[in-house]
Amino acid sequence: MVVALPLITDRQLLPRAFVSVVRITVKAVATLNDLRRTAAVLPGSEERATTGGAAWFVRGKPYAWECHPWPSVPADMREIVAAELVVGVKVADRMDALALIEMAPDVFLRTTTPWGQPKVAFRMAGIEEDHLVELVTEAWRVQAPKYLRREFDNLGA
């Protein structure tokens, strides 16, 4: 979305014709509802309420979940998880997780809990909607059986 705002000057009484216009691009930040919409179109996907919040499964395997500030989460990461919405997703391997963390260390958390590796957690406030779709779809692919991946690929054909 592009928003046009008048440039603030110290001479607020200038005729309107002399006021410059600045263009600011506002990026759409992803929400949990965006995650739900993405998961809803993935074959075999189901949302479940868990102790830690919402989680998404395919054939009984989790691929995305709301993170909870469990005691096993390192203290510095637990503070982030407690303060804002953080989502975890499965990744193909540890190198994928490390690449994401390296790419955007202010968005992707370095670690959460040791179970369920490989995975990566990220701050929803730092993810754009199109990147969320990519992360969730790839996480689903990691966990989905071949026949469901084929079904999904055929939907796009």
Foldseek 3Di string as FASTA:
>chain_A
DKDKDWDDDPCPPDPPVPTDIDIDDDFAFDDVVLLVVLQVLQPQWDWDQDPQGIFIDHPRHTFKDWGALDPQFPPVVSVVSVPATKMKGAAQAQVVQVVVCVVCVVFKPPDGHPPPPPMIMGGSRPDGSVVSSVSSVNRCVNRYDPVSVVVSVVVVD
